[in-house]
Amino acid sequence: MKTYLKFLRKYENLLAKKSGLTITVSGLSGSGKSTVAREIAIFFELKLINAGDLFRKYARQKKMSLGEVSKFFPESIDYQIDKMTLEAAQKGGCVIVGRLSAWVTGGWADCRIFVQSNKKIREKRIAQRDNLTISAARVNVNNRDKGDCSRYEKLYKINLKDKTIYNLIIHNNKITLPKLKKEIIQRLKDFLKK
């Protein structure tokens, strides 16, 4: 199973050529990656695809927290999500949000973005988003980060802390949405011109 990314690389040659931009947005839980991706999708008129939505749906069905699910998520579902991510990247015309989106899309991504945010801010966002106390959000963030890091290391030998694969790092700490949007769009436009 650890060679699954190699399988995806072979599979990618079988699919149609890409038309339009493919941009990936990754980051840890609560970093704001979905917000960043949404702003990019709106500005560039691209389809928004969020791999995390499938993960959340599975958690709701199993009545588990995201932290719990990250420990027990079946490999087969990981592989399905990765296959759908690669297929979308190959078609183009999309922004793909997901922790592994930059890794899975390979050379099909025109730009790979990582959204960086400090842990306290991420905990606060998770608490607000999921209607949790800060201490419960802290446990959630810790479990999710550790669970995802170990799962992807086990499945793919990927170190999620390695940011060398990304073209742009967006710092999303205490910045307003209008300023964040302006920075993202400008940096992305500058990168795509190169």
C-alpha atoms as a PDB file:
ATOM      1  CA  MET A   1       0.000   0.000   0.000  1.00  0.00           C
ATOM      2  CA  LYS A   2       2.935   2.374   0.542  1.00  0.00           C
ATOM      3  CA  THR A   3       3.552   2.428  -3.184  1.00  0.00           C
ATOM      4  CA  TYR A   4       0.107   3.896  -3.850  1.00  0.00           C
ATOM      5  CA  LEU A   5       1.528   7.262  -4.926  1.00  0.00           C
ATOM      6  CA  LYS A   6       3.624   5.382  -7.493  1.00  0.00           C
ATOM      7  CA  PHE A   7       0.404   3.794  -8.741  1.00  0.00           C
ATOM      8  CA  LEU A   8      -1.146   7.252  -9.075  1.00  0.00           C
ATOM      9  CA  ARG A   9       1.826   8.406 -11.161  1.00  0.00           C
ATOM     10  CA  LYS A  10       1.290   5.493 -13.584  1.00  0.00           C
ATOM     11  CA  TYR A  11      -2.456   6.103 -13.630  1.00  0.00           C
ATOM     12  CA  GLU A  12      -2.051   9.793 -14.449  1.00  0.00           C
ATOM     13  CA  ASN A  13      -0.716   8.997 -17.912  1.00  0.00           C
ATOM     14  CA  LEU A  14      -3.994   7.319 -18.833  1.00  0.00           C
ATOM     15  CA  LEU A  15      -6.151  10.373 -18.336  1.00  0.00           C
ATOM     16  CA  ALA A  16      -6.999  13.282 -20.618  1.00  0.00           C
ATOM     17  CA  LYS A  17      -4.884  16.407 -20.885  1.00  0.00           C
ATOM     18  CA  LYS A  18      -5.531  19.235 -18.497  1.00  0.00           C
ATOM     19  CA  SER A  19      -7.395  22.394 -19.442  1.00  0.00           C
ATOM     20  CA  GLY A  20      -7.142  25.335 -17.076  1.00  0.00           C
ATOM     21  CA  LEU A  21      -5.243  26.032 -13.879  1.00  0.00           C
ATOM     22  CA  THR A  22      -4.819  23.527 -11.075  1.00  0.00           C
ATOM     23  CA  ILE A  23      -3.963  25.104  -7.741  1.00  0.00           C
ATOM     24  CA  THR A  24      -3.577  23.169  -4.494  1.00  0.00           C
ATOM     25  CA  VAL A  25      -4.043  24.592  -1.015  1.00  0.00           C
ATOM     26  CA  SER A  26      -2.771  22.683   2.013  1.00  0.00           C
ATOM     27  CA  GLY A  27      -2.305  23.420   5.696  1.00  0.00           C
ATOM     28  CA  LEU A  28      -2.950  22.048   9.147  1.00  0.00           C
ATOM     29  CA  SER A  29      -6.437  21.969  10.666  1.00  0.00           C
ATOM     30  CA  GLY A  30      -7.749  25.455  11.428  1.00  0.00           C
ATOM     31  CA  SER A  31      -5.072  27.207   9.356  1.00  0.00           C
ATOM     32  CA  GLY A  32      -7.646  28.817   7.057  1.00  0.00           C
ATOM     33  CA  LYS A  33      -6.859  26.756   3.959  1.00  0.00           C
ATOM     34  CA  SER A  34     -10.541  26.487   2.967  1.00  0.00           C
ATOM     35  CA  THR A  35     -10.965  30.270   3.208  1.00  0.00           C
ATOM     36  CA  VAL A  36      -7.830  30.848   1.133  1.00  0.00           C
ATOM     37  CA  ALA A  37      -8.928  28.290  -1.461  1.00  0.00           C
ATOM     38  CA  ARG A  38     -12.405  29.809  -1.715  1.00  0.00           C
ATOM     39  CA  GLU A  39     -10.979  33.283  -2.402  1.00  0.00           C
ATOM     40  CA  ILE A  40      -8.680  31.872  -5.099  1.00  0.00           C
ATOM     41  CA  ALA A  41     -11.532  29.919  -6.700  1.00  0.00           C
ATOM     42  CA  ILE A  42     -13.753  33.007  -6.806  1.00  0.00           C
ATOM     43  CA  PHE A  43     -11.075  35.308  -8.223  1.00  0.00           C
ATOM     44  CA  PHE A  44      -9.811  32.906 -10.902  1.00  0.00           C
ATOM     45  CA  GLU A  45     -13.277  31.420 -11.577  1.00  0.00           C
ATOM     46  CA  LEU A  46     -12.179  27.882 -10.739  1.00  0.00           C
ATOM     47  CA  LYS A  47     -14.095  24.957  -9.284  1.00  0.00           C
ATOM     48  CA  LEU A  48     -13.447  24.407  -5.560  1.00  0.00           C
ATOM     49  CA  ILE A  49     -12.767  20.805  -4.516  1.00  0.00           C
ATOM     50  CA  ASN A  50     -12.281  20.090  -0.808  1.00  0.00           C
ATOM     51  CA  ALA A  51     -10.878  16.638   0.015  1.00  0.00           C
ATOM     52  CA  GLY A  52     -11.580  17.357   3.690  1.00  0.00           C
ATOM     53  CA  ASP A  53     -15.333  17.385   3.019  1.00  0.00           C
ATOM     54  CA  LEU A  54     -15.221  13.646   2.347  1.00  0.00           C
ATOM     55  CA  PHE A  55     -13.208  13.165   5.536  1.00  0.00           C
ATOM     56  CA  ARG A  56     -15.776  15.181   7.555  1.00  0.00           C
ATOM     57  CA  LYS A  57     -18.668  13.258   6.003  1.00  0.00           C
ATOM     58  CA  TYR A  58     -17.082   9.978   7.060  1.00  0.00           C
ATOM     59  CA  ALA A  59     -16.563  11.331  10.619  1.00  0.00           C
ATOM     60  CA  ARG A  60     -20.238  12.367  10.854  1.00  0.00           C
ATOM     61  CA  GLN A  61     -21.402   8.963   9.619  1.00  0.00           C
ATOM     62  CA  LYS A  62     -19.248   7.202  12.221  1.00  0.00           C
ATOM     63  CA  LYS A  63     -20.181   9.770  14.925  1.00  0.00           C
ATOM     64  CA  MET A  64     -16.513  10.421  15.650  1.00  0.00           C
ATOM     65  CA  SER A  65     -14.412  13.565  15.962  1.00  0.00           C
ATOM     66  CA  LEU A  66     -11.954  14.384  13.192  1.00  0.00           C
ATOM     67  CA  GLY A  67      -9.110  13.590  15.607  1.00  0.00           C
ATOM     68  CA  GLU A  68     -10.532  10.128  16.280  1.00  0.00           C
ATOM     69  CA  VAL A  69     -11.199   9.477  12.615  1.00  0.00           C
ATOM     70  CA  SER A  70      -7.645  10.432  11.640  1.00  0.00           C
ATOM     71  CA  LYS A  71      -6.456   7.449  13.719  1.00  0.00           C
ATOM     72  CA  PHE A  72      -8.916   4.948  12.243  1.00  0.00           C
ATOM     73  CA  PHE A  73      -9.652   6.224   8.731  1.00  0.00           C
ATOM     74  CA  PRO A  74      -9.619   3.225   6.332  1.00  0.00           C
ATOM     75  CA  GLU A  75      -6.756   3.245   3.825  1.00  0.00           C
ATOM     76  CA  SER A  76      -9.180   2.450   1.007  1.00  0.00           C
ATOM     77  CA  ILE A  77     -10.979   5.775   1.540  1.00  0.00           C
ATOM     78  CA  ASP A  78      -7.666   7.648   1.614  1.00  0.00           C
ATOM     79  CA  TYR A  79      -6.852   6.087  -1.744  1.00  0.00           C
ATOM     80  CA  GLN A  80     -10.273   6.960  -3.204  1.00  0.00           C
ATOM     81  CA  ILE A  81      -9.866  10.593  -2.158  1.00  0.00           C
ATOM     82  CA  ASP A  82      -6.346  10.690  -3.617  1.00  0.00           C
ATOM     83  CA  LYS A  83      -7.508   9.201  -6.907  1.00  0.00           C
ATOM     84  CA  MET A  84     -10.338  11.774  -7.183  1.00  0.00           C
ATOM     85  CA  THR A  85      -7.854  14.544  -6.327  1.00  0.00           C
ATOM     86  CA  LEU A  86      -5.480  13.454  -9.090  1.00  0.00           C
ATOM     87  CA  GLU A  87      -8.300  13.149 -11.634  1.00  0.00           C
ATOM     88  CA  ALA A  88      -9.492  16.677 -10.814  1.00  0.00           C
ATOM     89  CA  ALA A  89      -5.937  18.042 -11.098  1.00  0.00           C
ATOM     90  CA  GLN A  90      -5.517  16.441 -14.500  1.00  0.00           C
ATOM     91  CA  LYS A  91      -8.735  17.973 -15.803  1.00  0.00           C
ATOM     92  CA  GLY A  92      -7.715  21.406 -14.512  1.00  0.00           C
ATOM     93  CA  GLY A  93      -9.870  24.430 -13.845  1.00  0.00           C
ATOM     94  CA  CYS A  94      -9.890  23.834 -10.085  1.00  0.00           C
ATOM     95  CA  VAL A  95      -8.556  24.677  -6.656  1.00  0.00           C
ATOM     96  CA  ILE A  96      -8.011  21.542  -4.582  1.00  0.00           C
ATOM     97  CA  VAL A  97      -7.975  21.820  -0.793  1.00  0.00           C
ATOM     98  CA  GLY A  98      -6.413  19.009   1.210  1.00  0.00           C
ATOM     99  CA  ARG A  99      -3.454  18.082   3.332  1.00  0.00           C
ATOM    100  CA  LEU A 100      -2.014  15.837   0.611  1.00  0.00           C
ATOM    101  CA  SER A 101      -3.246  17.766  -2.422  1.00  0.00           C
ATOM    102  CA  ALA A 102       0.208  19.117  -3.296  1.00  0.00           C
ATOM    103  CA  TRP A 103       1.764  15.656  -3.022  1.00  0.00           C
ATOM    104  CA  VAL A 104      -0.950  13.761  -4.911  1.00  0.00           C
ATOM    105  CA  THR A 105      -1.288  16.175  -7.832  1.00  0.00           C
ATOM    106  CA  GLY A 106       2.424  16.060  -8.640  1.00  0.00           C
ATOM    107  CA  GLY A 107       3.337  18.003 -11.770  1.00  0.00           C
ATOM    108  CA  TRP A 108      -0.309  18.629 -12.611  1.00  0.00           C
ATOM    109  CA  ALA A 109      -0.462  21.494 -10.098  1.00  0.00           C
ATOM    110  CA  ASP A 110       0.402  24.914 -11.490  1.00  0.00           C
ATOM    111  CA  CYS A 111       0.930  26.238  -7.973  1.00  0.00           C
ATOM    112  CA  ARG A 112       1.061  24.536  -4.569  1.00  0.00           C
ATOM    113  CA  ILE A 113       0.168  26.739  -1.601  1.00  0.00           C
ATOM    114  CA  PHE A 114       0.652  26.032   2.106  1.00  0.00           C
ATOM    115  CA  VAL A 115      -1.345  28.099   4.607  1.00  0.00           C
ATOM    116  CA  GLN A 116       0.624  28.592   7.828  1.00  0.00           C
ATOM    117  CA  SER A 117      -0.995  29.647  11.098  1.00  0.00           C
ATOM    118  CA  ASN A 118       0.169  29.409  14.692  1.00  0.00           C
ATOM    119  CA  LYS A 119      -1.341  26.726  16.903  1.00  0.00           C
ATOM    120  CA  LYS A 120      -3.230  29.021  19.319  1.00  0.00           C
ATOM    121  CA  ILE A 121      -5.010  30.744  16.462  1.00  0.00           C
ATOM    122  CA  ARG A 122      -5.831  27.390  14.876  1.00  0.00           C
ATOM    123  CA  GLU A 123      -7.286  26.169  18.185  1.00  0.00           C
ATOM    124  CA  LYS A 124      -9.422  29.313  18.471  1.00  0.00           C
ATOM    125  CA  ARG A 125     -10.731  28.894  14.917  1.00  0.00           C
ATOM    126  CA  ILE A 126     -11.564  25.220  15.496  1.00  0.00           C
ATOM    127  CA  ALA A 127     -13.354  26.120  18.754  1.00  0.00           C
ATOM    128  CA  GLN A 128     -15.471  28.739  16.958  1.00  0.00           C
ATOM    129  CA  ARG A 129     -16.118  26.599  13.884  1.00  0.00           C
ATOM    130  CA  ASP A 130     -17.058  23.425  15.787  1.00  0.00           C
ATOM    131  CA  ASN A 131     -18.639  25.126  18.843  1.00  0.00           C
ATOM    132  CA  LEU A 132     -16.037  23.715  21.250  1.00  0.00           C
ATOM    133  CA  THR A 133     -14.217  25.038  24.288  1.00  0.00           C
ATOM    134  CA  ILE A 134     -10.618  26.092  23.700  1.00  0.00           C
ATOM    135  CA  SER A 135      -9.366  23.094  25.705  1.00  0.00           C
ATOM    136  CA  ALA A 136     -11.502  20.684  23.651  1.00  0.00           C
ATOM    137  CA  ALA A 137     -10.297  22.346  20.446  1.00  0.00           C
ATOM    138  CA  ARG A 138      -6.692  22.003  21.665  1.00  0.00           C
ATOM    139  CA  VAL A 139      -7.179  18.245  22.133  1.00  0.00           C
ATOM    140  CA  ASN A 140      -8.883  18.041  18.731  1.00  0.00           C
ATOM    141  CA  VAL A 141      -6.036  19.893  16.972  1.00  0.00           C
ATOM    142  CA  ASN A 142      -3.343  17.822  18.716  1.00  0.00           C
ATOM    143  CA  ASN A 143      -5.060  14.518  17.900  1.00  0.00           C
ATOM    144  CA  ARG A 144      -5.727  15.497  14.307  1.00  0.00           C
ATOM    145  CA  ASP A 145      -2.214  16.786  13.652  1.00  0.00           C
ATOM    146  CA  LYS A 146      -0.558  13.723  15.203  1.00  0.00           C
ATOM    147  CA  GLY A 147      -3.003  11.274  13.628  1.00  0.00           C
ATOM    148  CA  ASP A 148      -2.686  12.720  10.135  1.00  0.00           C
ATOM    149  CA  CYS A 149       1.112  12.992  10.309  1.00  0.00           C
ATOM    150  CA  SER A 150       1.525   9.378  11.391  1.00  0.00           C
ATOM    151  CA  ARG A 151      -1.085   8.087   8.916  1.00  0.00           C
ATOM    152  CA  TYR A 152       0.523   9.774   5.891  1.00  0.00           C
ATOM    153  CA  GLU A 153       3.986   8.703   7.023  1.00  0.00           C
ATOM    154  CA  LYS A 154       2.731   5.121   7.257  1.00  0.00           C
ATOM    155  CA  LEU A 155       0.746   5.117   4.007  1.00  0.00           C
ATOM    156  CA  TYR A 156       3.036   7.128   1.750  1.00  0.00           C
ATOM    157  CA  LYS A 157       6.272   7.899   3.603  1.00  0.00           C
ATOM    158  CA  ILE A 158       5.301  11.589   3.412  1.00  0.00           C
ATOM    159  CA  ASN A 159       6.470  14.002   6.099  1.00  0.00           C
ATOM    160  CA  LEU A 160       3.736  16.640   6.380  1.00  0.00           C
ATOM    161  CA  LYS A 161       6.205  18.988   8.088  1.00  0.00           C
ATOM    162  CA  ASP A 162       8.283  19.131   4.895  1.00  0.00           C
ATOM    163  CA  LYS A 163       7.250  22.324   3.089  1.00  0.00           C
ATOM    164  CA  THR A 164       9.788  22.161   0.250  1.00  0.00           C
ATOM    165  CA  ILE A 165       7.107  20.922  -2.159  1.00  0.00           C
ATOM    166  CA  TYR A 166       5.159  24.218  -1.903  1.00  0.00           C
ATOM    167  CA  ASN A 167       5.558  27.182  -4.222  1.00  0.00           C
ATOM    168  CA  LEU A 168       3.974  29.709  -1.850  1.00  0.00           C
ATOM    169  CA  ILE A 169       3.645  29.870   1.945  1.00  0.00           C
ATOM    170  CA  ILE A 170       0.791  32.109   3.108  1.00  0.00           C
ATOM    171  CA  HIS A 171       0.968  33.276   6.732  1.00  0.00           C
ATOM    172  CA  ASN A 172      -2.562  33.497   8.075  1.00  0.00           C
ATOM    173  CA  ASN A 173      -2.334  34.597  11.672  1.00  0.00           C
ATOM    174  CA  LYS A 174      -3.903  37.908  12.665  1.00  0.00           C
ATOM    175  CA  ILE A 175      -4.709  39.268   9.253  1.00  0.00           C
ATOM    176  CA  THR A 176      -8.102  40.528   8.112  1.00  0.00           C
ATOM    177  CA  LEU A 177      -9.871  38.695   5.305  1.00  0.00           C
ATOM    178  CA  PRO A 178      -9.623  41.629   2.836  1.00  0.00           C
ATOM    179  CA  LYS A 179      -5.842  41.918   3.437  1.00  0.00           C
ATOM    180  CA  LEU A 180      -5.438  38.144   3.232  1.00  0.00           C
ATOM    181  CA  LYS A 181      -7.384  38.017  -0.026  1.00  0.00           C
ATOM    182  CA  LYS A 182      -5.308  40.839  -1.536  1.00  0.00           C
ATOM    183  CA  GLU A 183      -2.018  39.181  -0.523  1.00  0.00           C
ATOM    184  CA  ILE A 184      -3.037  35.742  -1.808  1.00  0.00           C
ATOM    185  CA  ILE A 185      -4.253  36.982  -5.168  1.00  0.00           C
ATOM    186  CA  GLN A 186      -1.237  39.226  -5.738  1.00  0.00           C
ATOM    187  CA  ARG A 187       1.307  36.569  -4.772  1.00  0.00           C
ATOM    188  CA  LEU A 188      -0.453  33.944  -6.868  1.00  0.00           C
ATOM    189  CA  LYS A 189      -0.651  36.249  -9.904  1.00  0.00           C
ATOM    190  CA  ASP A 190       3.053  37.068  -9.538  1.00  0.00           C
ATOM    191  CA  PHE A 191       3.941  33.386  -9.267  1.00  0.00           C
ATOM    192  CA  LEU A 192       1.859  32.381 -12.303  1.00  0.00           C
ATOM    193  CA  LYS A 193       3.508  35.092 -14.436  1.00  0.00           C
ATOM    194  CA  LYS A 194       6.909  33.390 -14.005  1.00  0.00           C
END
